[in-house]
Protein backbone atom coordinates (compact mmCIF):
# COMPACT_ATOMS: atom_id res chain seq x y z
CA UNK A 1 -0.03 -0.17 -0.25
CA UNK A 2 1.50 3.62 -0.78
CA UNK A 3 2.21 5.79 2.34
CA UNK A 4 0.07 8.20 0.67
CA UNK A 5 -2.86 5.76 0.08
CA UNK A 6 -6.05 6.81 2.20
CA UNK A 7 -8.00 3.47 2.98
CA UNK A 8 -11.66 3.76 1.75
CA UNK A 9 -14.58 3.59 4.16
CA UNK A 10 -15.25 -0.12 2.95
CA UNK A 11 -11.64 -1.30 3.18
CA UNK A 12 -11.49 0.16 6.98
CA UNK A 13 -14.62 -1.25 7.50
CA UNK A 14 -13.35 -4.58 6.54
CA UNK A 15 -10.49 -4.67 8.31
CA UNK A 16 -11.93 -3.99 11.65
CA UNK A 17 -11.63 -6.42 14.85
CA UNK A 18 -15.22 -6.80 15.19
CA UNK A 19 -16.34 -8.27 19.03
CA UNK A 20 -19.23 -10.81 18.81
CA UNK A 21 -22.53 -9.10 19.21
CA UNK A 22 -23.10 -10.71 22.34
CA UNK A 23 -19.87 -9.44 24.02
CA UNK A 24 -21.53 -5.88 22.80
CA UNK A 25 -24.84 -6.69 24.34
CA UNK A 26 -23.20 -7.59 27.85
CA UNK A 27 -21.42 -3.74 27.78
CA UNK A 28 -25.15 -2.75 28.03
CA UNK A 29 -26.23 -4.83 30.40
CA UNK A 30 -27.86 -6.97 28.38
CA UNK A 31 -27.78 -10.98 28.95
CA UNK A 32 -27.65 -13.80 25.92
CA UNK A 33 -31.39 -14.24 26.26
CA UNK A 34 -32.02 -10.29 25.71
CA UNK A 35 -30.83 -10.69 22.43
CA UNK A 36 -31.42 -12.44 19.10
CA UNK A 37 -28.59 -13.25 16.57
CA UNK A 38 -28.46 -12.59 13.29
CA UNK A 39 -24.97 -13.90 12.83
CA UNK A 40 -22.22 -13.34 14.89
CA UNK A 41 -21.90 -9.26 14.55
CA UNK A 42 -25.60 -8.39 14.33
CA UNK A 43 -28.51 -8.83 16.69
CA UNK A 44 -31.85 -8.01 17.51
CA UNK A 45 -32.67 -6.56 21.20
CA UNK A 46 -35.76 -8.23 22.49
CA UNK A 47 -38.51 -6.12 23.89
CA UNK A 48 -38.92 -7.79 26.60
CA UNK A 49 -35.33 -6.33 27.68
CA UNK A 50 -37.13 -3.05 28.21
CA UNK A 51 -38.57 -4.13 31.45
CA UNK A 52 -35.17 -5.09 32.91
CA UNK A 53 -33.58 -2.13 32.22
CA UNK A 54 -36.34 0.53 33.93
CA UNK A 55 -34.95 0.76 37.04
CA UNK A 56 -31.37 1.74 35.56
CA UNK A 57 -30.73 5.53 35.90
CA UNK A 58 -31.43 7.71 32.15
CA UNK A 59 -28.14 8.56 30.78
CA UNK A 60 -27.80 12.07 29.56
CA UNK A 61 -29.57 12.24 26.11
CA UNK A 62 -27.69 14.17 23.40
CA UNK A 63 -28.51 15.02 20.21
CA UNK A 64 -26.69 15.40 16.79
CA UNK A 65 -27.77 17.81 14.30
CA UNK A 66 -26.42 20.18 11.83
CA UNK A 67 -26.17 23.52 9.75
CA UNK A 68 -28.20 23.64 6.74
CA UNK A 69 -26.05 21.15 4.55
CA UNK A 70 -24.37 20.91 1.09
CA UNK A 71 -25.99 18.30 -0.97
CA UNK A 72 -22.88 16.13 0.30
CA UNK A 73 -23.88 16.14 4.26
CA UNK A 74 -21.82 17.36 6.47
CA UNK A 75 -21.29 14.17 8.73
CA UNK A 76 -24.00 13.97 11.31
CA UNK A 77 -23.84 10.36 11.31
CA UNK A 78 -20.03 10.08 11.39
CA UNK A 79 -20.17 12.82 14.33
CA UNK A 80 -22.34 10.89 16.33
CA UNK A 81 -20.23 7.59 16.16
CA UNK A 82 -17.06 9.77 16.53
CA UNK A 83 -18.63 11.22 19.54
CA UNK A 84 -19.76 8.03 20.83
CA UNK A 85 -16.07 6.36 20.51
CA UNK A 86 -14.92 9.49 21.80
CA UNK A 87 -16.80 9.64 25.14
CA UNK A 88 -15.04 6.10 26.01
CA UNK A 89 -11.58 7.94 25.56
CA UNK A 90 -12.31 10.31 28.26
CA UNK A 91 -13.77 7.64 30.65
CA UNK A 92 -17.40 7.70 30.00
CA UNK A 93 -19.53 4.93 28.45
CA UNK A 94 -21.99 5.67 25.44
CA UNK A 95 -24.52 4.00 23.09
CA UNK A 96 -25.50 5.51 19.71
CA UNK A 97 -28.58 5.20 18.28
CA UNK A 98 -29.33 6.11 14.38
CA UNK A 99 -31.22 5.41 11.27
CA UNK A 100 -30.94 2.56 8.81
CA UNK A 101 -30.09 3.83 5.31
CA UNK A 102 -32.72 3.13 2.43
CA UNK A 103 -30.97 1.87 -0.73
CA UNK A 104 -32.44 4.89 -2.47
CA UNK A 105 -29.37 6.82 -1.17
CA UNK A 106 -27.19 3.98 -0.81
CA UNK A 107 -27.33 3.32 -4.46
CA UNK A 108 -28.07 6.98 -5.51
CA UNK A 109 -25.66 9.97 -4.65
CA UNK A 110 -25.07 10.27 -1.10
CA UNK A 111 -24.00 6.32 -0.51
CA UNK A 112 -24.48 4.77 3.13
CA UNK A 113 -25.07 6.13 6.05
CA UNK A 114 -22.76 4.16 8.20
CA UNK A 115 -20.63 7.11 9.48
CA UNK A 116 -17.03 7.13 7.41
CA UNK A 117 -13.36 6.79 7.79
CA UNK A 118 -12.53 5.83 11.32
CA UNK A 119 -15.96 6.77 12.69
CA UNK A 120 -17.88 3.70 11.32
CA UNK A 121 -20.93 1.25 12.26
CA UNK A 122 -20.04 -2.12 11.41
CA UNK A 123 -20.54 -4.09 9.86
CA UNK A 124 -20.49 -1.96 6.84
CA UNK A 125 -22.14 -4.16 4.24
CA UNK A 126 -25.08 -5.27 6.47
CA UNK A 127 -25.39 -1.81 7.71
CA UNK A 128 -25.90 -0.35 4.27
CA UNK A 129 -27.47 -3.31 2.50
CA UNK A 130 -30.88 -5.21 4.10
CA UNK A 131 -29.60 -5.37 7.60
CA UNK A 132 -32.27 -7.67 9.41
CA UNK A 133 -34.97 -6.73 6.49
CA UNK A 134 -36.59 -4.11 8.59
CA UNK A 135 -37.36 -1.68 5.87
CA UNK A 136 -38.69 -4.86 3.40
CA UNK A 137 -41.13 -5.83 6.74
CA UNK A 138 -42.53 -1.94 5.97
CA UNK A 139 -42.95 -2.22 2.65
CA UNK A 140 -44.64 -5.40 2.73
CA UNK A 141 -47.38 -4.09 5.23
CA UNK A 142 -47.58 -0.67 3.21
CA UNK A 143 -48.42 -2.42 0.21
CA UNK A 144 -50.86 -5.12 1.59
CA UNK A 145 -52.87 -2.34 2.79
CA UNK A 146 -52.83 -0.60 -0.37
CA UNK A 147 -53.92 -4.29 -2.11
CA UNK A 148 -56.70 -4.55 0.39
CA UNK A 149 -58.06 -0.70 -0.14
CA UNK A 150 -58.05 -1.35 -4.18
CA UNK A 151 -59.79 -4.82 -3.57
CA UNK A 152 -62.55 -3.26 -1.23
CA UNK A 153 -63.28 -0.97 -3.94
CA UNK A 154 -63.15 -3.71 -6.87
CA UNK A 155 -65.22 -6.11 -4.77
CA UNK A 156 -68.02 -3.46 -4.40
CA UNK A 157 -67.01 -0.94 -1.96
CA UNK A 158 -69.29 -1.63 1.47
CA UNK A 159 -67.30 1.50 3.03
CA UNK A 160 -68.24 4.05 -0.20
CA UNK A 161 -65.15 4.91 -0.06
CA UNK A 162 -64.69 7.86 -2.41
CA UNK A 163 -61.81 7.04 -4.85
CA UNK A 164 -60.75 10.21 -5.69
CA UNK A 165 -59.79 10.97 -2.24
CA UNK A 166 -57.48 7.99 -2.17
CA UNK A 167 -54.22 8.74 -0.10
CA UNK A 168 -52.61 5.82 0.61
CA UNK A 169 -49.58 4.58 -2.32
CA UNK A 170 -47.72 1.76 -2.69
CA UNK A 171 -43.46 2.18 -1.93
CA UNK A 172 -40.35 0.36 -3.22
CA UNK A 173 -37.25 1.07 -1.50
CA UNK A 174 -35.21 2.42 -4.72
CA UNK A 175 -35.02 5.35 -6.08
CA UNK A 176 -37.20 5.09 -9.27
CA UNK A 177 -38.65 8.26 -10.92
CA UNK A 178 -40.57 6.65 -13.66
CA UNK A 179 -42.90 5.21 -10.69
CA UNK A 180 -43.73 8.29 -9.24
CA UNK A 181 -47.08 8.98 -11.32
CA UNK A 182 -48.30 5.59 -13.11
CA UNK A 183 -51.91 4.56 -13.91
CA UNK A 184 -52.62 1.35 -12.61
CA UNK A 185 -55.77 -1.37 -13.30
CA UNK A 186 -55.02 -1.39 -16.63
CA UNK A 187 -56.17 -4.71 -18.56
CA UNK A 188 -59.45 -6.81 -18.53
CA UNK A 189 -62.08 -5.74 -15.69
CA UNK A 190 -60.47 -8.46 -13.49
CA UNK A 191 -57.46 -6.88 -13.52
CA UNK A 192 -58.48 -4.01 -11.63
CA UNK A 193 -60.18 -0.49 -11.44
CA UNK A 194 -57.98 1.72 -14.22
CA UNK A 195 -56.56 4.73 -11.93
CA UNK A 196 -54.32 7.48 -11.57
CA UNK A 197 -51.31 6.91 -8.66
CA UNK A 198 -47.83 6.12 -7.84
CA UNK A 199 -45.45 5.12 -5.66
CA UNK A 200 -43.48 6.91 -2.80
CA UNK A 201 -40.15 5.40 -1.70
CA UNK A 202 -40.28 3.10 1.43
CA UNK A 203 -38.71 5.40 4.13
CA UNK A 204 -41.52 7.98 3.35
CA UNK A 205 -43.93 5.51 4.36
CA UNK A 206 -46.23 6.24 7.33
CA UNK A 207 -45.44 2.74 8.09
CA UNK A 208 -42.18 3.59 8.98
CA UNK A 209 -42.83 6.43 10.54
CA UNK A 210 -45.15 4.53 12.94
CA UNK A 211 -42.09 2.26 13.66
CA UNK A 212 -39.89 4.91 14.28
CA UNK A 213 -42.42 6.67 16.76
CA UNK A 214 -43.86 3.61 18.15
CA UNK A 215 -43.79 2.72 21.72
CA UNK A 216 -44.48 -1.21 21.87
CA UNK A 217 -46.31 -3.58 20.20
CA UNK A 218 -49.82 -2.84 21.18
CA UNK A 219 -49.37 0.85 20.34
CA UNK A 220 -47.74 -0.12 16.99
CA UNK A 221 -51.19 -2.22 16.42
CA UNK A 222 -53.26 0.70 17.65
CA UNK A 223 -51.40 3.10 15.46
CA UNK A 224 -51.63 0.96 12.46
CA UNK A 225 -55.68 0.89 12.82
CA UNK A 226 -55.58 4.47 12.92
CA UNK A 227 -54.01 5.08 9.52
CA UNK A 228 -56.33 7.03 7.34
CA UNK A 229 -56.50 5.93 3.78
CA UNK A 230 -59.23 8.04 2.14
CA UNK A 231 -62.60 9.29 2.61
CA UNK A 232 -65.93 8.26 2.13
CA UNK A 233 -68.78 9.83 0.15
CA UNK A 234 -69.77 11.64 3.28
CA UNK A 235 -66.19 12.93 3.97
CA UNK A 236 -65.48 10.76 6.98
CA UNK A 237 -62.43 8.99 7.28
CA UNK A 238 -61.63 5.32 6.37
CA UNK A 239 -58.60 3.64 7.98
CA UNK A 240 -56.94 0.58 7.93
CA UNK A 241 -58.97 -0.55 10.94
CA UNK A 242 -62.04 -0.52 8.83
CA UNK A 243 -60.51 -2.26 6.14
CA UNK A 244 -59.58 -4.76 8.28
CA UNK A 245 -55.80 -4.75 7.76
CA UNK A 246 -54.42 -3.36 10.81
CA UNK A 247 -53.86 -6.86 12.47
CA UNK A 248 -51.76 -8.37 9.27
CA UNK A 249 -49.74 -5.20 9.05
CA UNK A 250 -49.03 -5.84 12.45
CA UNK A 251 -47.98 -9.42 12.05
CA UNK A 252 -45.73 -8.58 9.52
CA UNK A 253 -43.84 -5.99 11.50
CA UNK A 254 -43.62 -8.01 14.52
CA UNK A 255 -39.76 -8.18 14.16
CA UNK A 256 -39.14 -5.24 12.61
CA UNK A 257 -40.20 -3.87 15.77
CA UNK A 258 -36.96 -5.12 17.81
CA UNK A 259 -34.10 -2.67 17.74
CA UNK A 260 -30.96 -3.94 15.72
CA UNK A 261 -27.41 -3.91 17.49
CA UNK A 262 -24.54 -3.07 16.02
CA UNK A 263 -20.89 -1.80 16.98
CA UNK A 264 -18.49 1.11 15.97
CA UNK A 265 -14.68 0.42 15.18
CA UNK A 266 -13.65 0.96 18.48
CA UNK A 267 -16.90 -1.51 19.74
CA UNK A 268 -19.28 0.87 21.26
CA UNK A 269 -22.68 -0.08 21.15
CA UNK A 270 -25.13 0.97 18.24
CA UNK A 271 -28.48 0.72 17.91
CA UNK A 272 -29.91 1.15 14.27
CA UNK A 273 -33.45 1.02 14.06
CA UNK A 274 -36.42 2.82 11.49
CA UNK A 275 -35.16 5.17 8.97
CA UNK A 276 -37.39 7.93 7.79
CA UNK A 277 -36.43 10.67 5.51
CA UNK A 278 -36.53 14.24 7.51
CA UNK A 279 -37.49 16.05 4.37
CA UNK A 280 -40.59 13.89 4.12
CA UNK A 281 -40.77 12.59 7.71
CA UNK A 282 -39.63 13.24 10.48
CA UNK A 283 -36.22 12.31 10.66
CA UNK A 284 -35.45 10.27 13.98
CA UNK A 285 -34.80 6.61 14.59
CA UNK A 286 -36.80 4.76 16.54
CA UNK A 287 -38.21 5.96 20.42
CA UNK A 288 -37.67 2.44 21.13
CA UNK A 289 -34.02 1.82 20.10
CA UNK A 290 -34.06 5.17 22.79
CA UNK A 291 -35.53 3.38 25.39
CA UNK A 292 -32.97 0.75 25.18
CA UNK A 293 -30.16 3.03 24.90
CA UNK A 294 -31.04 5.58 27.49
CA UNK A 295 -30.50 2.94 29.95
CA UNK A 296 -27.48 1.22 28.94
CA UNK A 297 -24.73 4.13 29.31
CA UNK A 298 -23.75 7.32 30.48
CA UNK A 299 -24.16 9.29 27.33
CA UNK A 300 -27.12 8.14 24.81
CA UNK A 301 -26.28 9.95 21.44
CA UNK A 302 -29.11 10.41 18.79
CA UNK A 303 -28.94 11.81 15.45
CA UNK A 304 -31.80 13.69 13.71
CA UNK A 305 -31.93 14.22 9.70
CA UNK A 306 -30.29 17.02 7.34
CA UNK A 307 -30.26 20.30 8.96
CA UNK A 308 -31.65 21.88 12.94
CA UNK A 309 -34.59 23.48 11.06
CA UNK A 310 -36.11 20.17 9.94
CA UNK A 311 -34.75 17.01 11.66
CA UNK A 312 -33.88 18.67 15.16
CA UNK A 313 -36.90 20.98 15.18
CA UNK A 314 -39.08 17.38 14.47
CA UNK A 315 -36.78 15.63 16.98
CA UNK A 316 -38.08 17.93 19.90
CA UNK A 317 -41.59 18.93 19.04
CA UNK A 318 -42.35 15.11 17.42
CA UNK A 319 -40.61 12.55 19.13
CA UNK A 320 -39.80 13.76 22.45
CA UNK A 321 -43.58 14.62 22.63
CA UNK A 322 -44.43 10.83 22.19
CA UNK A 323 -41.08 9.38 23.96
CA UNK A 324 -41.34 11.33 27.03
CA UNK A 325 -37.34 11.64 27.18
CA UNK A 326 -35.86 15.09 27.43
CA UNK A 327 -32.63 16.12 25.82
CA UNK A 328 -29.63 17.29 27.60
CA UNK A 329 -27.81 19.01 25.15
CA UNK A 330 -27.30 19.11 21.30
CA UNK A 331 -24.35 19.11 19.09
CA UNK A 332 -24.37 21.25 15.68
CA UNK A 333 -22.09 19.89 12.94
CA UNK A 334 -20.99 22.53 10.74
CA UNK A 335 -17.97 22.51 8.05
CA UNK A 336 -16.06 24.79 6.47
CA UNK A 337 -17.51 23.93 2.76
CA UNK A 338 -21.07 24.68 4.44
CA UNK A 339 -20.04 28.12 5.55
CA UNK A 340 -18.78 28.65 2.44
CA UNK A 341 -22.10 27.41 0.41
CA UNK A 342 -24.37 29.91 2.72
CA UNK A 343 -22.89 33.03 0.75
CA UNK A 344 -24.47 32.13 -2.23
CA UNK A 345 -21.58 32.35 -4.20
CA UNK A 346 -20.40 28.57 -4.89
CA UNK A 347 -22.33 25.87 -6.70
CA UNK A 348 -22.07 22.21 -5.22
CA UNK A 349 -23.03 19.38 -7.35
CA UNK A 350 -23.67 16.06 -5.68
CA UNK A 351 -21.33 13.70 -6.85
CA UNK A 352 -19.00 15.97 -8.21
CA UNK A 353 -16.11 17.37 -6.18
CA UNK A 354 -15.98 20.49 -4.87
CA UNK A 355 -15.29 23.39 -7.18
CA UNK A 356 -11.22 24.46 -6.75
CA UNK A 357 -12.43 28.10 -6.07
CA UNK A 358 -14.09 26.72 -3.27
CA UNK A 359 -11.02 25.27 -1.49
CA UNK A 360 -8.98 28.27 -1.80
CA UNK A 361 -8.44 30.11 1.57
CA UNK A 362 -11.28 32.45 2.22
CA UNK A 363 -11.96 33.11 5.82
CA UNK A 364 -14.38 36.18 5.50
CA UNK A 365 -16.61 33.70 3.48
CA UNK A 366 -16.86 31.34 6.30
CA UNK A 367 -17.63 34.41 8.53
CA UNK A 368 -20.22 35.55 6.26
CA UNK A 369 -21.83 32.53 5.47
CA UNK A 370 -22.10 31.28 8.98
CA UNK A 371 -24.84 33.08 9.69
CA UNK A 372 -26.66 29.99 8.63
CA UNK A 373 -24.58 28.27 12.06
CA UNK A 374 -26.00 31.44 14.22
CA UNK A 375 -29.78 30.71 12.81
CA UNK A 376 -29.39 27.14 13.91
CA UNK A 377 -28.12 27.78 16.97
CA UNK A 378 -31.01 29.78 17.57
CA UNK A 379 -33.52 27.19 16.31
CA UNK A 380 -31.54 24.99 19.24
CA UNK A 381 -32.23 27.76 21.60
CA UNK A 382 -35.57 28.32 21.49
CA UNK A 383 -36.42 24.73 22.71
CA UNK A 384 -34.29 25.52 25.51
CA UNK A 385 -31.23 22.94 24.84
CA UNK A 386 -27.67 24.24 25.29
CA UNK A 387 -25.90 23.95 21.95
CA UNK A 388 -22.21 22.92 20.98
CA UNK A 389 -20.86 23.84 17.79
CA UNK A 390 -18.85 20.68 16.20
CA UNK A 391 -16.35 21.91 13.34
CA UNK A 392 -16.47 18.59 11.38
CA UNK A 393 -12.33 19.03 10.08
CA UNK A 394 -11.83 18.24 6.74
CA UNK A 395 -7.99 18.07 5.69
CA UNK A 396 -8.68 20.82 2.70
CA UNK A 397 -9.58 23.13 5.53
CA UNK A 398 -7.40 26.01 6.62
CA UNK A 399 -6.65 27.23 10.05
CA UNK A 400 -8.42 30.62 8.95
CA UNK A 401 -11.12 28.91 8.13
CA UNK A 402 -11.71 27.22 11.26
CA UNK A 403 -10.87 29.97 13.27
CA UNK A 404 -13.57 32.12 11.71
CA UNK A 405 -16.04 29.38 12.61
CA UNK A 406 -14.55 29.77 16.55
CA UNK A 407 -15.21 33.51 16.14
CA UNK A 408 -19.10 32.91 15.34
CA UNK A 409 -19.31 30.35 17.97
CA UNK A 410 -17.54 33.00 20.95
CA UNK A 411 -19.80 35.66 19.40
CA UNK A 412 -23.07 33.52 19.81
CA UNK A 413 -21.25 32.31 23.38
CA UNK A 414 -21.65 28.61 22.53
CA UNK A 415 -19.27 25.94 23.20
CA UNK A 416 -17.00 25.38 20.20
CA UNK A 417 -14.89 21.81 19.47
CA UNK A 418 -13.00 21.08 16.30
CA UNK A 419 -13.36 17.18 16.09
CA UNK A 420 -10.86 14.87 13.85
CA UNK A 421 -13.20 12.11 14.61
CA UNK A 422 -12.92 10.82 10.44
CA UNK A 423 -9.77 10.67 10.41
CA UNK A 424 -8.66 9.29 13.89
CA UNK A 425 -11.68 8.09 15.29
CA UNK A 426 -12.58 8.40 18.82
CA UNK A 427 -9.14 9.87 19.94
CA UNK A 428 -9.87 12.73 17.21
CA UNK A 429 -13.23 13.54 19.29
CA UNK A 430 -12.09 13.97 22.87
CA UNK A 431 -12.15 17.82 22.38
CA UNK A 432 -15.71 17.63 21.38
CA UNK A 433 -16.50 14.92 23.84
CA UNK A 434 -15.46 17.21 26.67
CA UNK A 435 -17.53 20.03 25.55
CA UNK A 436 -20.87 17.97 25.72
CA UNK A 437 -19.85 16.45 28.97
CA UNK A 438 -19.78 19.91 30.12
CA UNK A 439 -22.79 21.30 28.32
CA UNK A 440 -24.67 18.31 29.37
CA UNK A 441 -24.26 19.28 33.13
CA UNK A 442 -26.11 22.73 32.83
CA UNK A 443 -29.75 22.29 33.80
CA UNK A 444 -32.41 21.92 30.76
CA UNK A 445 -34.69 23.88 29.95
CA UNK A 446 -36.01 22.23 27.29
CA UNK A 447 -39.66 22.86 26.46
CA UNK A 448 -41.86 22.03 22.88
CA UNK A 449 -42.19 25.21 20.72
CA UNK A 450 -46.07 24.88 20.14
CA UNK A 451 -48.97 23.39 22.03
CA UNK A 452 -50.94 20.78 20.66
CA UNK A 453 -54.64 22.45 21.45
CA UNK A 454 -53.69 25.46 19.08
CA UNK A 455 -55.05 25.20 15.38
CA UNK A 456 -53.39 23.92 12.63
CA UNK A 457 -52.29 26.75 10.92
CA UNK A 458 -51.21 28.59 14.11
CA UNK A 459 -48.41 25.58 14.62
CA UNK A 460 -47.35 25.73 10.92
CA UNK A 461 -46.66 29.54 11.12
CA UNK A 462 -45.14 29.02 14.74
CA UNK A 463 -42.64 27.08 12.86
CA UNK A 464 -42.25 29.07 9.97
CA UNK A 465 -41.86 32.22 11.38
CA UNK A 466 -39.79 31.25 14.02
CA UNK A 467 -37.74 28.10 12.85
CA UNK A 468 -37.46 29.10 9.19
CA UNK A 469 -37.34 32.89 9.27
CA UNK A 470 -40.52 33.65 7.23
CA UNK A 471 -43.14 36.53 7.17
CA UNK A 472 -46.05 34.57 6.62
CA UNK A 473 -47.28 31.31 5.13
CA UNK A 474 -49.37 31.38 2.08
CA UNK A 475 -51.87 28.31 1.84
CA UNK A 476 -53.17 27.12 -1.37
CA UNK A 477 -56.79 26.27 -2.21
CA UNK A 478 -56.53 23.00 -1.59
CA UNK A 479 -54.19 23.16 1.67
CA UNK A 480 -56.65 25.31 3.33
CA UNK A 481 -59.66 22.67 2.47
CA UNK A 482 -57.60 20.05 3.84
CA UNK A 483 -56.41 21.71 7.21
CA UNK A 484 -60.49 22.21 7.56
CA UNK A 485 -61.27 18.45 7.10
CA UNK A 486 -58.68 17.14 9.46
CA UNK A 487 -59.92 19.90 12.25
CA UNK A 488 -63.73 18.95 11.55
CA UNK A 489 -62.37 15.19 11.69
CA UNK A 490 -61.05 15.50 15.28
CA UNK A 491 -57.22 15.60 14.05
CA UNK A 492 -56.16 19.13 14.82
CA UNK A 493 -54.63 18.58 18.08
CA UNK A 494 -51.55 16.69 16.30
CA UNK A 495 -48.09 17.68 15.92
CA UNK A 496 -46.62 19.26 12.41
CA UNK A 497 -44.59 17.44 10.46
CA UNK A 498 -43.08 20.08 7.76
CA UNK A 499 -41.95 18.28 4.39
CA UNK A 500 -40.04 21.22 2.90
CA UNK A 501 -36.13 20.99 1.15
CA UNK A 502 -33.44 20.45 3.11
CA UNK A 503 -31.06 22.64 1.25
CA UNK A 504 -32.09 25.71 2.49
CA UNK A 505 -33.92 27.31 5.85
CA UNK A 506 -37.02 28.41 3.53
CA UNK A 507 -38.92 26.46 0.99
CA UNK A 508 -36.56 27.53 -1.84
CA UNK A 509 -33.28 25.38 -2.02
CA UNK A 510 -31.68 28.38 -4.03
CA UNK A 511 -31.81 30.99 -0.94
CA UNK A 512 -28.87 30.07 1.32
CA UNK A 513 -27.18 31.70 4.59
CA UNK A 514 -30.17 32.88 6.71
CA UNK A 515 -33.07 34.15 4.59
CA UNK A 516 -35.75 35.89 6.54
CA UNK A 517 -39.04 37.81 5.48
CA UNK A 518 -40.45 35.31 2.80
CA UNK A 519 -43.50 33.98 1.89
CA UNK A 520 -43.75 30.21 3.32
CA UNK A 521 -45.85 28.32 0.86
CA UNK A 522 -48.14 25.29 1.84
CA UNK A 523 -49.68 23.94 -1.82
CA UNK A 524 -51.04 20.78 0.25
CA UNK A 525 -51.54 19.06 3.96
CA UNK A 526 -51.98 15.47 4.40
CA UNK A 527 -52.67 13.87 7.84
CA UNK A 528 -50.25 10.63 8.84
CA UNK A 529 -52.69 9.66 11.79
CA UNK A 530 -51.50 6.71 12.78
CA UNK A 531 -48.22 8.05 12.77
CA UNK A 532 -49.31 11.10 14.63
CA UNK A 533 -48.47 14.22 13.04
CA UNK A 534 -50.22 16.77 10.17
CA UNK A 535 -48.00 16.62 7.09
CA UNK A 536 -47.75 19.94 5.30
CA UNK A 537 -45.88 20.14 1.73
CA UNK A 538 -44.24 23.20 1.42
CA UNK A 539 -42.87 23.87 -2.14
CA UNK A 540 -42.40 20.61 -5.32
CA UNK A 541 -41.54 17.97 -2.44
CA UNK A 542 -40.87 14.61 -4.03
CA UNK A 543 -41.80 11.71 -2.18
CA UNK A 544 -39.91 9.05 -4.39
CA UNK A 545 -36.38 10.34 -5.57
CA UNK A 546 -34.79 9.49 -9.08
CA UNK A 547 -31.62 8.09 -9.69
CA UNK A 548 -28.28 10.48 -10.76
CA UNK A 549 -26.68 10.33 -14.02
CA UNK A 550 -23.70 8.06 -12.82
CA UNK A 551 -25.90 6.07 -9.58
CA UNK A 552 -23.09 4.70 -6.78
CA UNK A 553 -25.01 1.47 -7.78
CA UNK A 554 -22.70 1.39 -11.03
CA UNK A 555 -19.78 1.02 -8.69
CA UNK A 556 -20.80 -1.41 -6.43
CA UNK A 557 -19.99 -5.08 -7.12
CA UNK A 558 -19.05 -8.26 -5.31
CA UNK A 559 -15.73 -10.03 -5.75
CA UNK A 560 -16.58 -13.44 -7.10
CA UNK A 561 -13.37 -14.95 -5.57
CA UNK A 562 -13.84 -13.92 -1.85
CA UNK A 563 -17.46 -13.09 -1.76
CA UNK A 564 -16.77 -9.65 -0.70
CA UNK A 565 -18.51 -6.27 -1.22
CA UNK A 566 -16.22 -3.61 -3.40
CA UNK A 567 -17.43 -0.26 -4.16
CA UNK A 568 -19.52 0.40 -1.57
CA UNK A 569 -19.30 3.58 0.60
């Protein structure tokens, strides 16, 4: 190997010295009977273990979030893993809880979600490819409901469902733009009812959201029953329970409800469970994984998708409402490249190297673009949570640029740590670990952004004006009608799960930095009653992504001699 060769993430992962997964469980205080093995290095944690753990003290609960990212991501998962490893270097124990990746990003542009460099969850191949089959179970449960809904209408429509109000779509866990809008039921009369429909990606399914937010088997079964799939001709909601589908859905999900147990490169326990996207769902790993993790270490670290305006806001106002858990601190990941992007002077294209001019030393650009960092610090503080800025360090960063971010953090009065966990693993996250320990010792004043008994519009407007910086919210006629019907149906007291771009604080991905005083448009509002939230769509949100010109799948293969995966990242 050349002395200048930097191993790929996959090479690092395949060279790791893993412990048998039952030894990782033992670190958490779990016995062999508390887990179900999937080979030597993966397991599921039985839900019965929660009763065994309930009398133990809670760990400090730390959220890892980020500034508004570039299309490349700023390293939240890598930071979560690195911080978990770093806490062990300062004499603390930690468990991490992260999402399972969809095959969409894995084979698209972004790649997998196991972390990177020397801060990864392993085994990396199993982590990124199918794992224990949870997403396939979500797909099966979702599509069973779709089939039973269409069959009910075909078989005489005893519930008098209005076919034009059907909102439930089929899903598949692949980026496939050809399936966004389709016509189904063509052919003979026995082939079904011709109608326009489409597919979403599996992780956008309400079934996935329910998996992430459920607190147990009974709760999951009840949530499935509450799923609203359409309205009848009297404008009353039609549910999965009414279609007699909820029981079979729960059966398909009875194994998927158990959190998955992995480990990091430094053998830190890692719970990996559920994977809802943050721009079209609530973007957090499961409550059940947190219930396990918070009883098994000094610190539980969990990651929320995309920027603090999206994943963290939903963590605070949706996940924490249903879990009853309160965060002790939040890590806000930033990078030099993200701050430069937020000047609006640079264009970053997914799948392509950064433009050369972006790599030049420009601390003034970093300082200017840090208006986004300032806004995201405020978005954490408005919930009463103490933020810690983490500068995820890249080899291309110039010292003056790092200092520019440190100056902004000092001006905002928040702790700031430079972390080199990608290159050095836990050792590179020691400074960050110490800052997090200090922040978590401060008294927590956590509170929600809005009250549930407020009208739907008031809750939407509170998020849009306080978190995004909008001056007002504009509702299209369809959204106005949907809000009115949901409140009439008794769904008005649910929290809000906004669907918007992750590339800007606003609804418009071209508005970088800290846009303010814009009009925030709501074109449609949906109700995910089983998951337990109202789902407004701002701008043109895609619930089924497409593949890029050169998808990552082109470079993934297998070595037929050794059976090893190659090309995964």
